[in-house]
């Protein structure tokens, strides 16, 4: 079986190209091959509803099988999530000098695996940005080696705090405080990940979202909450997105709110819906705002800007399943208007 290996290289402008492996990576080719072979033979996947088999592996000195398991009503334990559990439960440990490798059977040769947002969250927290993701077909061909950091985006552009933004912030904080349901999360663990969201939709519509957390720790994140409000009102339009950090102390004054990749995933798919309905390419701006308390009021301290598409590189979307799937999804969206 012939395989060709290339490394994904991200440029400053966000574009990517495939380049030759580094000398260090070339020494790991046997591990990459083993990772893909282990993934191809994985018996873990059980896609009861989607029938979409995600075959993966994880390890360094030893490679372990992983995959997606579906249950309930279209609920799923994704391959990357199972990989975290499998590695933590195994006897295989890796030291500082070891490079952790995840093998993913990603369809056609040369495809770059596209983990969903939730999987990026658990991969980042469990494996860090230096995890190598090896994407290849089961029967050979071009294999692409990427780093976990290639799937991340945190380089936001500074934005001026205009009167319009300041007015939005005051309203979002008031509504967010009213609708949040968070009696279980510790205040001192990742406070930068707590935020409110507001979507500006069609006309004068505004859709608000806040964390909804129950004791089983399967939260609804703020953007998903706002999207559900828009969906209930049959408003598929998305013009602007505002994210306001809940922490208004000096501690995080210069730190952008860290929006979970699972939330970015849902926002991307919501935006894709309006693209499919309009037939236009749309990439709404996203404003991230950190506030401070000044005397008897709260004001925007710093503002950053990105866009729906920019902050989710290599997105996992209906387009990953091919034109027929997208066509059927578009037909469904139109039937809901």
C-alpha atoms as a PDB file:
ATOM      1  CA  UNK A   1       0.000   0.000   0.000  1.00  0.00           C
ATOM      2  CA  UNK A   2       1.581   3.250  -1.150  1.00  0.00           C
ATOM      3  CA  UNK A   3       1.269   6.324   1.039  1.00  0.00           C
ATOM      4  CA  UNK A   4       2.592   9.858   0.540  1.00  0.00           C
ATOM      5  CA  UNK A   5       2.916  12.120   3.588  1.00  0.00           C
ATOM      6  CA  UNK A   6       2.550  15.903   3.690  1.00  0.00           C
ATOM      7  CA  UNK A   7       2.338  18.384   6.559  1.00  0.00           C
ATOM      8  CA  UNK A   8      -0.299  21.109   6.802  1.00  0.00           C
ATOM      9  CA  UNK A   9       1.245  24.560   7.065  1.00  0.00           C
ATOM     10  CA  UNK A  10      -0.852  27.586   8.007  1.00  0.00           C
ATOM     11  CA  UNK A  11       0.224  30.972   6.666  1.00  0.00           C
ATOM     12  CA  UNK A  12      -0.107  34.310   8.472  1.00  0.00           C
ATOM     13  CA  UNK A  13      -3.123  35.221   6.295  1.00  0.00           C
ATOM     14  CA  UNK A  14      -4.925  32.061   7.426  1.00  0.00           C
ATOM     15  CA  UNK A  15      -4.451  30.202   4.164  1.00  0.00           C
ATOM     16  CA  UNK A  16      -2.878  26.750   4.215  1.00  0.00           C
ATOM     17  CA  UNK A  17      -0.651  24.676   2.010  1.00  0.00           C
ATOM     18  CA  UNK A  18       0.778  21.170   2.056  1.00  0.00           C
ATOM     19  CA  UNK A  19       4.550  20.959   2.535  1.00  0.00           C
ATOM     20  CA  UNK A  20       7.102  18.201   3.055  1.00  0.00           C
ATOM     21  CA  UNK A  21       7.355  16.679   6.519  1.00  0.00           C
ATOM     22  CA  UNK A  22      10.032  18.024   8.825  1.00  0.00           C
ATOM     23  CA  UNK A  23      12.940  15.710   9.671  1.00  0.00           C
ATOM     24  CA  UNK A  24      11.342  15.059  13.067  1.00  0.00           C
ATOM     25  CA  UNK A  25       8.010  14.188  11.462  1.00  0.00           C
ATOM     26  CA  UNK A  26       9.679  11.946   8.902  1.00  0.00           C
ATOM     27  CA  UNK A  27      11.055   9.890  11.773  1.00  0.00           C
ATOM     28  CA  UNK A  28       7.473   9.371  12.952  1.00  0.00           C
ATOM     29  CA  UNK A  29       6.179   7.957   9.659  1.00  0.00           C
ATOM     30  CA  UNK A  30       6.018   4.407  11.117  1.00  0.00           C
ATOM     31  CA  UNK A  31       3.816   5.796  13.923  1.00  0.00           C
ATOM     32  CA  UNK A  32       1.603   7.594  11.392  1.00  0.00           C
ATOM     33  CA  UNK A  33       1.186   4.373   9.410  1.00  0.00           C
ATOM     34  CA  UNK A  34       0.340   2.426  12.564  1.00  0.00           C
ATOM     35  CA  UNK A  35      -2.152   5.124  13.588  1.00  0.00           C
ATOM     36  CA  UNK A  36      -4.016   4.846  10.282  1.00  0.00           C
ATOM     37  CA  UNK A  37      -3.930   1.052  10.279  1.00  0.00           C
ATOM     38  CA  UNK A  38      -5.290   0.948  13.837  1.00  0.00           C
ATOM     39  CA  UNK A  39      -8.010   3.457  12.925  1.00  0.00           C
ATOM     40  CA  UNK A  40      -9.006   1.540   9.800  1.00  0.00           C
ATOM     41  CA  UNK A  41      -9.453  -1.644  11.864  1.00  0.00           C
ATOM     42  CA  UNK A  42     -11.286   0.053  14.755  1.00  0.00           C
ATOM     43  CA  UNK A  43     -14.290  -1.882  16.057  1.00  0.00           C
ATOM     44  CA  UNK A  44     -15.430   0.988  18.301  1.00  0.00           C
ATOM     45  CA  UNK A  45     -17.840   2.861  15.961  1.00  0.00           C
ATOM     46  CA  UNK A  46     -21.560   2.196  16.414  1.00  0.00           C
ATOM     47  CA  UNK A  47     -23.439   4.845  14.378  1.00  0.00           C
ATOM     48  CA  UNK A  48     -27.010   3.663  15.029  1.00  0.00           C
ATOM     49  CA  UNK A  49     -28.693   6.709  13.478  1.00  0.00           C
ATOM     50  CA  UNK A  50     -26.277   8.370  11.041  1.00  0.00           C
ATOM     51  CA  UNK A  51     -24.634   5.210   9.698  1.00  0.00           C
ATOM     52  CA  UNK A  52     -21.529   7.426   9.453  1.00  0.00           C
ATOM     53  CA  UNK A  53     -18.577   5.400  10.720  1.00  0.00           C
ATOM     54  CA  UNK A  54     -15.840   7.518  12.290  1.00  0.00           C
ATOM     55  CA  UNK A  55     -12.767   5.322  12.641  1.00  0.00           C
ATOM     56  CA  UNK A  56      -9.944   6.709  14.727  1.00  0.00           C
ATOM     57  CA  UNK A  57      -6.930   5.833  16.849  1.00  0.00           C
ATOM     58  CA  UNK A  58      -4.931   7.561  19.565  1.00  0.00           C
ATOM     59  CA  UNK A  59      -1.544   7.036  21.205  1.00  0.00           C
ATOM     60  CA  UNK A  60       2.207   7.399  20.944  1.00  0.00           C
ATOM     61  CA  UNK A  61       4.099   4.298  22.060  1.00  0.00           C
ATOM     62  CA  UNK A  62       0.919   2.254  21.700  1.00  0.00           C
ATOM     63  CA  UNK A  63      -2.023   3.029  19.392  1.00  0.00           C
ATOM     64  CA  UNK A  64      -5.575   2.436  20.626  1.00  0.00           C
ATOM     65  CA  UNK A  65      -8.787   2.098  18.612  1.00  0.00           C
ATOM     66  CA  UNK A  66     -11.443   4.816  18.913  1.00  0.00           C
ATOM     67  CA  UNK A  67     -14.664   5.787  17.169  1.00  0.00           C
ATOM     68  CA  UNK A  68     -18.150   7.260  17.416  1.00  0.00           C
ATOM     69  CA  UNK A  69     -20.947   5.647  19.424  1.00  0.00           C
ATOM     70  CA  UNK A  70     -24.545   6.828  18.947  1.00  0.00           C
ATOM     71  CA  UNK A  71     -27.331   6.314  21.483  1.00  0.00           C
ATOM     72  CA  UNK A  72     -30.572   7.771  22.833  1.00  0.00           C
ATOM     73  CA  UNK A  73     -32.200   9.827  20.075  1.00  0.00           C
ATOM     74  CA  UNK A  74     -29.449  10.977  17.716  1.00  0.00           C
ATOM     75  CA  UNK A  75     -27.073  11.556  20.644  1.00  0.00           C
ATOM     76  CA  UNK A  76     -23.443  10.675  20.020  1.00  0.00           C
ATOM     77  CA  UNK A  77     -20.141  10.082  21.717  1.00  0.00           C
ATOM     78  CA  UNK A  78     -17.779  11.293  19.001  1.00  0.00           C
ATOM     79  CA  UNK A  79     -14.592   9.535  17.989  1.00  0.00           C
ATOM     80  CA  UNK A  80     -12.377  12.204  19.510  1.00  0.00           C
ATOM     81  CA  UNK A  81     -14.298  12.023  22.784  1.00  0.00           C
ATOM     82  CA  UNK A  82     -13.919   8.252  22.933  1.00  0.00           C
ATOM     83  CA  UNK A  83     -10.209   8.680  22.165  1.00  0.00           C
ATOM     84  CA  UNK A  84      -9.786  10.812  25.280  1.00  0.00           C
ATOM     85  CA  UNK A  85     -11.490   8.192  27.467  1.00  0.00           C
ATOM     86  CA  UNK A  86      -9.594   5.299  25.874  1.00  0.00           C
ATOM     87  CA  UNK A  87      -6.221   6.937  26.320  1.00  0.00           C
ATOM     88  CA  UNK A  88      -6.888   7.941  29.919  1.00  0.00           C
ATOM     89  CA  UNK A  89      -8.104   4.420  30.736  1.00  0.00           C
ATOM     90  CA  UNK A  90      -5.115   2.696  29.115  1.00  0.00           C
ATOM     91  CA  UNK A  91      -1.794   1.872  30.681  1.00  0.00           C
ATOM     92  CA  UNK A  92       0.012   3.744  27.929  1.00  0.00           C
ATOM     93  CA  UNK A  93       1.459   7.025  29.122  1.00  0.00           C
ATOM     94  CA  UNK A  94       3.505   9.543  27.208  1.00  0.00           C
ATOM     95  CA  UNK A  95       6.247  11.789  28.455  1.00  0.00           C
ATOM     96  CA  UNK A  96       7.291  15.307  27.555  1.00  0.00           C
ATOM     97  CA  UNK A  97       9.426  14.023  24.676  1.00  0.00           C
ATOM     98  CA  UNK A  98       6.627  11.921  23.142  1.00  0.00           C
ATOM     99  CA  UNK A  99       4.357  13.285  20.427  1.00  0.00           C
ATOM    100  CA  UNK A 100       0.759  12.200  20.755  1.00  0.00           C
ATOM    101  CA  UNK A 101      -0.801  11.103  17.462  1.00  0.00           C
ATOM    102  CA  UNK A 102      -4.466  10.763  16.490  1.00  0.00           C
ATOM    103  CA  UNK A 103      -5.211   8.787  13.337  1.00  0.00           C
ATOM    104  CA  UNK A 104      -8.441   9.506  11.456  1.00  0.00           C
ATOM    105  CA  UNK A 105      -9.783   7.735   8.374  1.00  0.00           C
ATOM    106  CA  UNK A 106     -10.962  10.835   6.538  1.00  0.00           C
ATOM    107  CA  UNK A 107     -12.464   9.537   3.290  1.00  0.00           C
ATOM    108  CA  UNK A 108     -10.567  10.418   0.138  1.00  0.00           C
ATOM    109  CA  UNK A 109      -6.745  10.708   0.120  1.00  0.00           C
ATOM    110  CA  UNK A 110      -5.601  14.260   0.881  1.00  0.00           C
ATOM    111  CA  UNK A 111      -8.681  15.165   2.932  1.00  0.00           C
ATOM    112  CA  UNK A 112      -7.965  17.099   6.124  1.00  0.00           C
ATOM    113  CA  UNK A 113      -9.996  15.758   9.045  1.00  0.00           C
ATOM    114  CA  UNK A 114     -12.553  18.278  10.342  1.00  0.00           C
ATOM    115  CA  UNK A 115     -13.382  17.666  14.029  1.00  0.00           C
ATOM    116  CA  UNK A 116     -16.615  19.251  15.187  1.00  0.00           C
ATOM    117  CA  UNK A 117     -16.489  22.115  17.655  1.00  0.00           C
ATOM    118  CA  UNK A 118     -17.226  20.006  20.713  1.00  0.00           C
ATOM    119  CA  UNK A 119     -14.395  17.624  19.818  1.00  0.00           C
ATOM    120  CA  UNK A 120     -11.994  20.553  19.492  1.00  0.00           C
ATOM    121  CA  UNK A 121     -12.939  21.607  23.018  1.00  0.00           C
ATOM    122  CA  UNK A 122     -12.101  18.217  24.527  1.00  0.00           C
ATOM    123  CA  UNK A 123      -9.003  17.715  22.358  1.00  0.00           C
ATOM    124  CA  UNK A 124      -7.586  21.097  23.350  1.00  0.00           C
ATOM    125  CA  UNK A 125      -8.193  20.560  27.077  1.00  0.00           C
ATOM    126  CA  UNK A 126      -6.999  16.931  27.081  1.00  0.00           C
ATOM    127  CA  UNK A 127      -4.167  16.859  24.547  1.00  0.00           C
ATOM    128  CA  UNK A 128      -3.046  20.461  24.009  1.00  0.00           C
ATOM    129  CA  UNK A 129      -2.150  22.282  20.776  1.00  0.00           C
ATOM    130  CA  UNK A 130       0.753  19.975  19.826  1.00  0.00           C
ATOM    131  CA  UNK A 131      -1.366  16.876  19.204  1.00  0.00           C
ATOM    132  CA  UNK A 132      -0.750  15.611  15.663  1.00  0.00           C
ATOM    133  CA  UNK A 133      -3.845  14.686  13.657  1.00  0.00           C
ATOM    134  CA  UNK A 134      -3.053  12.264  10.838  1.00  0.00           C
ATOM    135  CA  UNK A 135      -5.756  12.122   8.144  1.00  0.00           C
ATOM    136  CA  UNK A 136      -5.733   9.472   5.440  1.00  0.00           C
ATOM    137  CA  UNK A 137      -7.773   6.976   3.450  1.00  0.00           C
ATOM    138  CA  UNK A 138      -7.907   3.328   4.471  1.00  0.00           C
ATOM    139  CA  UNK A 139      -6.380   2.120   1.212  1.00  0.00           C
ATOM    140  CA  UNK A 140      -3.406   4.468   0.883  1.00  0.00           C
ATOM    141  CA  UNK A 141      -2.675   7.653  -1.038  1.00  0.00           C
ATOM    142  CA  UNK A 142      -1.923  11.131   0.308  1.00  0.00           C
ATOM    143  CA  UNK A 143      -1.805  11.470   4.104  1.00  0.00           C
ATOM    144  CA  UNK A 144      -1.999  14.903   5.761  1.00  0.00           C
ATOM    145  CA  UNK A 145      -0.395  15.600   9.146  1.00  0.00           C
ATOM    146  CA  UNK A 146      -1.814  18.607  11.008  1.00  0.00           C
ATOM    147  CA  UNK A 147      -1.351  20.043  14.480  1.00  0.00           C
ATOM    148  CA  UNK A 148      -4.216  20.621  16.870  1.00  0.00           C
ATOM    149  CA  UNK A 149      -3.363  24.343  16.767  1.00  0.00           C
ATOM    150  CA  UNK A 150      -4.310  24.377  13.062  1.00  0.00           C
ATOM    151  CA  UNK A 151      -7.931  23.812  14.140  1.00  0.00           C
ATOM    152  CA  UNK A 152      -7.912  26.742  16.577  1.00  0.00           C
ATOM    153  CA  UNK A 153      -8.392  30.484  16.142  1.00  0.00           C
ATOM    154  CA  UNK A 154      -7.748  33.089  18.837  1.00  0.00           C
ATOM    155  CA  UNK A 155      -5.961  35.945  16.984  1.00  0.00           C
ATOM    156  CA  UNK A 156      -8.756  38.498  17.065  1.00  0.00           C
ATOM    157  CA  UNK A 157      -8.381  41.990  15.640  1.00  0.00           C
ATOM    158  CA  UNK A 158      -8.821  44.962  18.020  1.00  0.00           C
ATOM    159  CA  UNK A 159     -11.976  46.977  17.300  1.00  0.00           C
ATOM    160  CA  UNK A 160     -13.071  50.473  18.319  1.00  0.00           C
ATOM    161  CA  UNK A 161     -15.663  50.680  21.066  1.00  0.00           C
ATOM    162  CA  UNK A 162     -18.378  52.694  19.317  1.00  0.00           C
ATOM    163  CA  UNK A 163     -21.537  54.128  20.854  1.00  0.00           C
ATOM    164  CA  UNK A 164     -23.525  51.408  19.104  1.00  0.00           C
ATOM    165  CA  UNK A 165     -21.375  48.661  20.660  1.00  0.00           C
ATOM    166  CA  UNK A 166     -21.654  50.258  24.110  1.00  0.00           C
ATOM    167  CA  UNK A 167     -25.443  50.352  23.812  1.00  0.00           C
ATOM    168  CA  UNK A 168     -25.484  46.689  22.800  1.00  0.00           C
ATOM    169  CA  UNK A 169     -23.309  45.720  25.773  1.00  0.00           C
ATOM    170  CA  UNK A 170     -25.554  47.293  28.417  1.00  0.00           C
ATOM    171  CA  UNK A 171     -28.597  45.523  27.003  1.00  0.00           C
ATOM    172  CA  UNK A 172     -26.864  42.150  26.638  1.00  0.00           C
ATOM    173  CA  UNK A 173     -25.647  42.187  30.253  1.00  0.00           C
ATOM    174  CA  UNK A 174     -29.123  42.974  31.566  1.00  0.00           C
ATOM    175  CA  UNK A 175     -30.830  40.275  29.511  1.00  0.00           C
ATOM    176  CA  UNK A 176     -28.024  37.776  30.066  1.00  0.00           C
ATOM    177  CA  UNK A 177     -28.233  38.123  33.844  1.00  0.00           C
ATOM    178  CA  UNK A 178     -31.973  37.505  33.619  1.00  0.00           C
ATOM    179  CA  UNK A 179     -31.908  34.357  31.458  1.00  0.00           C
ATOM    180  CA  UNK A 180     -28.738  32.586  32.655  1.00  0.00           C
ATOM    181  CA  UNK A 181     -29.226  29.315  34.566  1.00  0.00           C
ATOM    182  CA  UNK A 182     -25.928  28.389  36.180  1.00  0.00           C
ATOM    183  CA  UNK A 183     -26.092  26.964  39.675  1.00  0.00           C
ATOM    184  CA  UNK A 184     -23.313  24.399  39.283  1.00  0.00           C
ATOM    185  CA  UNK A 185     -20.203  25.810  37.570  1.00  0.00           C
ATOM    186  CA  UNK A 186     -17.281  26.897  39.796  1.00  0.00           C
ATOM    187  CA  UNK A 187     -16.525  30.598  39.458  1.00  0.00           C
ATOM    188  CA  UNK A 188     -12.743  30.170  39.602  1.00  0.00           C
ATOM    189  CA  UNK A 189     -12.306  27.555  36.827  1.00  0.00           C
ATOM    190  CA  UNK A 190     -11.971  29.056  33.327  1.00  0.00           C
ATOM    191  CA  UNK A 191     -13.919  32.261  34.080  1.00  0.00           C
ATOM    192  CA  UNK A 192     -12.888  33.514  30.617  1.00  0.00           C
ATOM    193  CA  UNK A 193     -15.254  30.905  29.142  1.00  0.00           C
ATOM    194  CA  UNK A 194     -18.358  32.487  30.648  1.00  0.00           C
ATOM    195  CA  UNK A 195     -20.155  34.844  28.312  1.00  0.00           C
ATOM    196  CA  UNK A 196     -23.512  36.080  27.051  1.00  0.00           C
ATOM    197  CA  UNK A 197     -24.470  36.173  23.368  1.00  0.00           C
ATOM    198  CA  UNK A 198     -26.745  38.225  21.149  1.00  0.00           C
ATOM    199  CA  UNK A 199     -27.560  37.705  17.463  1.00  0.00           C
ATOM    200  CA  UNK A 200     -28.882  40.514  15.284  1.00  0.00           C
ATOM    201  CA  UNK A 201     -31.241  38.895  12.816  1.00  0.00           C
ATOM    202  CA  UNK A 202     -33.713  40.111  10.257  1.00  0.00           C
ATOM    203  CA  UNK A 203     -35.220  43.582  10.679  1.00  0.00           C
ATOM    204  CA  UNK A 204     -34.910  44.757  14.259  1.00  0.00           C
ATOM    205  CA  UNK A 205     -34.851  41.270  15.769  1.00  0.00           C
ATOM    206  CA  UNK A 206     -32.381  40.391  18.503  1.00  0.00           C
ATOM    207  CA  UNK A 207     -31.901  36.918  19.945  1.00  0.00           C
ATOM    208  CA  UNK A 208     -30.204  36.488  23.328  1.00  0.00           C
ATOM    209  CA  UNK A 209     -28.408  33.519  24.839  1.00  0.00           C
ATOM    210  CA  UNK A 210     -26.840  32.510  28.149  1.00  0.00           C
ATOM    211  CA  UNK A 211     -25.501  29.335  29.699  1.00  0.00           C
ATOM    212  CA  UNK A 212     -28.056  26.747  30.788  1.00  0.00           C
ATOM    213  CA  UNK A 213     -26.385  24.155  33.008  1.00  0.00           C
ATOM    214  CA  UNK A 214     -28.020  21.251  34.837  1.00  0.00           C
ATOM    215  CA  UNK A 215     -26.382  18.855  37.294  1.00  0.00           C
ATOM    216  CA  UNK A 216     -25.654  16.221  34.604  1.00  0.00           C
ATOM    217  CA  UNK A 217     -23.106  18.642  33.053  1.00  0.00           C
ATOM    218  CA  UNK A 218     -24.498  18.622  29.503  1.00  0.00           C
ATOM    219  CA  UNK A 219     -24.822  22.407  29.110  1.00  0.00           C
ATOM    220  CA  UNK A 220     -26.518  24.478  26.457  1.00  0.00           C
ATOM    221  CA  UNK A 221     -24.029  27.203  25.553  1.00  0.00           C
ATOM    222  CA  UNK A 222     -25.082  30.845  25.008  1.00  0.00           C
ATOM    223  CA  UNK A 223     -24.872  30.949  21.198  1.00  0.00           C
ATOM    224  CA  UNK A 224     -26.877  27.740  20.904  1.00  0.00           C
ATOM    225  CA  UNK A 225     -29.431  29.257  23.266  1.00  0.00           C
ATOM    226  CA  UNK A 226     -29.708  32.384  21.081  1.00  0.00           C
ATOM    227  CA  UNK A 227     -29.939  30.294  17.916  1.00  0.00           C
ATOM    228  CA  UNK A 228     -32.858  28.327  19.337  1.00  0.00           C
ATOM    229  CA  UNK A 229     -34.670  31.609  19.987  1.00  0.00           C
ATOM    230  CA  UNK A 230     -34.081  32.630  16.354  1.00  0.00           C
ATOM    231  CA  UNK A 231     -35.284  29.238  15.151  1.00  0.00           C
ATOM    232  CA  UNK A 232     -38.449  29.456  17.227  1.00  0.00           C
ATOM    233  CA  UNK A 233     -39.187  32.804  15.602  1.00  0.00           C
ATOM    234  CA  UNK A 234     -38.396  31.436  12.115  1.00  0.00           C
ATOM    235  CA  UNK A 235     -35.703  34.058  11.641  1.00  0.00           C
ATOM    236  CA  UNK A 236     -32.902  32.519   9.515  1.00  0.00           C
ATOM    237  CA  UNK A 237     -31.125  35.850   9.025  1.00  0.00           C
ATOM    238  CA  UNK A 238     -27.830  36.527  10.790  1.00  0.00           C
ATOM    239  CA  UNK A 239     -26.312  40.006  10.464  1.00  0.00           C
ATOM    240  CA  UNK A 240     -24.061  40.450  13.503  1.00  0.00           C
ATOM    241  CA  UNK A 241     -22.941  38.511  16.567  1.00  0.00           C
ATOM    242  CA  UNK A 242     -22.090  40.038  19.947  1.00  0.00           C
ATOM    243  CA  UNK A 243     -20.266  38.160  22.715  1.00  0.00           C
ATOM    244  CA  UNK A 244     -19.951  39.814  26.124  1.00  0.00           C
ATOM    245  CA  UNK A 245     -17.775  38.340  28.865  1.00  0.00           C
ATOM    246  CA  UNK A 246     -19.603  37.862  32.158  1.00  0.00           C
ATOM    247  CA  UNK A 247     -16.509  38.673  34.233  1.00  0.00           C
ATOM    248  CA  UNK A 248     -16.351  42.486  34.538  1.00  0.00           C
ATOM    249  CA  UNK A 249     -13.413  42.639  36.977  1.00  0.00           C
ATOM    250  CA  UNK A 250      -9.838  43.768  36.350  1.00  0.00           C
ATOM    251  CA  UNK A 251      -8.720  40.113  36.252  1.00  0.00           C
ATOM    252  CA  UNK A 252      -9.813  39.481  32.663  1.00  0.00           C
ATOM    253  CA  UNK A 253      -9.901  43.089  31.468  1.00  0.00           C
ATOM    254  CA  UNK A 254      -7.639  42.438  28.481  1.00  0.00           C
ATOM    255  CA  UNK A 255      -8.645  38.833  27.755  1.00  0.00           C
ATOM    256  CA  UNK A 256     -11.233  38.174  25.020  1.00  0.00           C
ATOM    257  CA  UNK A 257     -14.123  35.922  26.050  1.00  0.00           C
ATOM    258  CA  UNK A 258     -13.230  32.352  25.080  1.00  0.00           C
ATOM    259  CA  UNK A 259     -16.227  31.143  23.107  1.00  0.00           C
ATOM    260  CA  UNK A 260     -16.418  27.367  23.161  1.00  0.00           C
ATOM    261  CA  UNK A 261     -15.768  25.710  19.813  1.00  0.00           C
ATOM    262  CA  UNK A 262     -19.014  23.772  20.228  1.00  0.00           C
ATOM    263  CA  UNK A 263     -20.816  27.115  20.237  1.00  0.00           C
ATOM    264  CA  UNK A 264     -18.847  28.316  17.193  1.00  0.00           C
ATOM    265  CA  UNK A 265     -19.872  25.079  15.471  1.00  0.00           C
ATOM    266  CA  UNK A 266     -23.584  25.772  16.007  1.00  0.00           C
ATOM    267  CA  UNK A 267     -23.200  29.386  14.866  1.00  0.00           C
ATOM    268  CA  UNK A 268     -21.421  28.266  11.687  1.00  0.00           C
ATOM    269  CA  UNK A 269     -24.216  25.828  10.840  1.00  0.00           C
ATOM    270  CA  UNK A 270     -26.888  28.448  11.533  1.00  0.00           C
ATOM    271  CA  UNK A 271     -25.093  30.811   9.156  1.00  0.00           C
ATOM    272  CA  UNK A 272     -24.767  28.026   6.584  1.00  0.00           C
ATOM    273  CA  UNK A 273     -28.554  27.748   6.705  1.00  0.00           C
ATOM    274  CA  UNK A 274     -29.003  31.339   5.568  1.00  0.00           C
ATOM    275  CA  UNK A 275     -26.395  30.809   2.834  1.00  0.00           C
ATOM    276  CA  UNK A 276     -28.295  27.798   1.498  1.00  0.00           C
ATOM    277  CA  UNK A 277     -31.588  29.695   1.631  1.00  0.00           C
ATOM    278  CA  UNK A 278     -30.249  32.801  -0.136  1.00  0.00           C
ATOM    279  CA  UNK A 279     -27.672  31.223  -2.432  1.00  0.00           C
ATOM    280  CA  UNK A 280     -25.142  33.831  -1.279  1.00  0.00           C
ATOM    281  CA  UNK A 281     -21.791  33.606   0.506  1.00  0.00           C
ATOM    282  CA  UNK A 282     -22.252  35.287   3.907  1.00  0.00           C
ATOM    283  CA  UNK A 283     -19.738  35.766   6.729  1.00  0.00           C
ATOM    284  CA  UNK A 284     -21.235  37.975   9.480  1.00  0.00           C
ATOM    285  CA  UNK A 285     -18.942  39.888  11.841  1.00  0.00           C
ATOM    286  CA  UNK A 286     -18.475  38.739  15.430  1.00  0.00           C
ATOM    287  CA  UNK A 287     -17.673  41.254  18.179  1.00  0.00           C
ATOM    288  CA  UNK A 288     -16.124  40.030  21.433  1.00  0.00           C
ATOM    289  CA  UNK A 289     -16.361  42.495  24.305  1.00  0.00           C
ATOM    290  CA  UNK A 290     -14.793  42.658  27.739  1.00  0.00           C
ATOM    291  CA  UNK A 291     -16.364  45.058  30.233  1.00  0.00           C
ATOM    292  CA  UNK A 292     -15.302  46.781  33.431  1.00  0.00           C
ATOM    293  CA  UNK A 293     -17.313  48.336  36.226  1.00  0.00           C
ATOM    294  CA  UNK A 294     -16.813  52.109  36.351  1.00  0.00           C
ATOM    295  CA  UNK A 295     -18.311  53.830  39.400  1.00  0.00           C
ATOM    296  CA  UNK A 296     -22.026  52.973  39.229  1.00  0.00           C
ATOM    297  CA  UNK A 297     -22.122  51.592  35.684  1.00  0.00           C
ATOM    298  CA  UNK A 298     -20.509  48.988  33.420  1.00  0.00           C
ATOM    299  CA  UNK A 299     -18.826  49.933  30.167  1.00  0.00           C
ATOM    300  CA  UNK A 300     -17.059  48.193  27.313  1.00  0.00           C
ATOM    301  CA  UNK A 301     -13.341  48.132  28.080  1.00  0.00           C
ATOM    302  CA  UNK A 302     -11.979  46.299  25.037  1.00  0.00           C
ATOM    303  CA  UNK A 303     -13.526  45.055  21.818  1.00  0.00           C
ATOM    304  CA  UNK A 304     -12.198  42.495  19.369  1.00  0.00           C
ATOM    305  CA  UNK A 305     -13.539  41.409  15.988  1.00  0.00           C
ATOM    306  CA  UNK A 306     -13.584  38.220  13.943  1.00  0.00           C
ATOM    307  CA  UNK A 307     -16.191  36.544  11.733  1.00  0.00           C
ATOM    308  CA  UNK A 308     -18.349  33.439  11.838  1.00  0.00           C
ATOM    309  CA  UNK A 309     -16.129  31.576   9.368  1.00  0.00           C
ATOM    310  CA  UNK A 310     -12.739  32.896  10.440  1.00  0.00           C
ATOM    311  CA  UNK A 311     -12.902  31.623  14.017  1.00  0.00           C
ATOM    312  CA  UNK A 312     -13.700  27.998  13.052  1.00  0.00           C
ATOM    313  CA  UNK A 313     -10.966  26.725  10.691  1.00  0.00           C
ATOM    314  CA  UNK A 314     -11.666  23.517   8.719  1.00  0.00           C
ATOM    315  CA  UNK A 315     -15.332  23.421   9.793  1.00  0.00           C
ATOM    316  CA  UNK A 316     -17.385  20.259  10.159  1.00  0.00           C
ATOM    317  CA  UNK A 317     -20.682  20.950   8.391  1.00  0.00           C
ATOM    318  CA  UNK A 318     -23.338  19.338   6.174  1.00  0.00           C
ATOM    319  CA  UNK A 319     -20.979  20.018   3.269  1.00  0.00           C
ATOM    320  CA  UNK A 320     -18.689  17.293   4.630  1.00  0.00           C
ATOM    321  CA  UNK A 321     -21.343  14.744   3.649  1.00  0.00           C
ATOM    322  CA  UNK A 322     -21.550  15.750  -0.013  1.00  0.00           C
ATOM    323  CA  UNK A 323     -23.875  17.635  -2.418  1.00  0.00           C
ATOM    324  CA  UNK A 324     -26.831  15.255  -2.042  1.00  0.00           C
ATOM    325  CA  UNK A 325     -26.900  15.732   1.730  1.00  0.00           C
ATOM    326  CA  UNK A 326     -26.664  19.523   1.332  1.00  0.00           C
ATOM    327  CA  UNK A 327     -29.478  19.518  -1.227  1.00  0.00           C
ATOM    328  CA  UNK A 328     -31.775  17.575   1.097  1.00  0.00           C
ATOM    329  CA  UNK A 329     -30.853  19.811   4.030  1.00  0.00           C
ATOM    330  CA  UNK A 330     -31.637  22.913   1.942  1.00  0.00           C
ATOM    331  CA  UNK A 331     -35.016  21.453   1.016  1.00  0.00           C
ATOM    332  CA  UNK A 332     -35.731  20.861   4.713  1.00  0.00           C
ATOM    333  CA  UNK A 333     -34.790  24.456   5.638  1.00  0.00           C
ATOM    334  CA  UNK A 334     -37.096  25.877   2.963  1.00  0.00           C
ATOM    335  CA  UNK A 335     -39.957  23.715   4.218  1.00  0.00           C
ATOM    336  CA  UNK A 336     -39.598  25.322   7.658  1.00  0.00           C
ATOM    337  CA  UNK A 337     -40.041  28.920   6.522  1.00  0.00           C
END
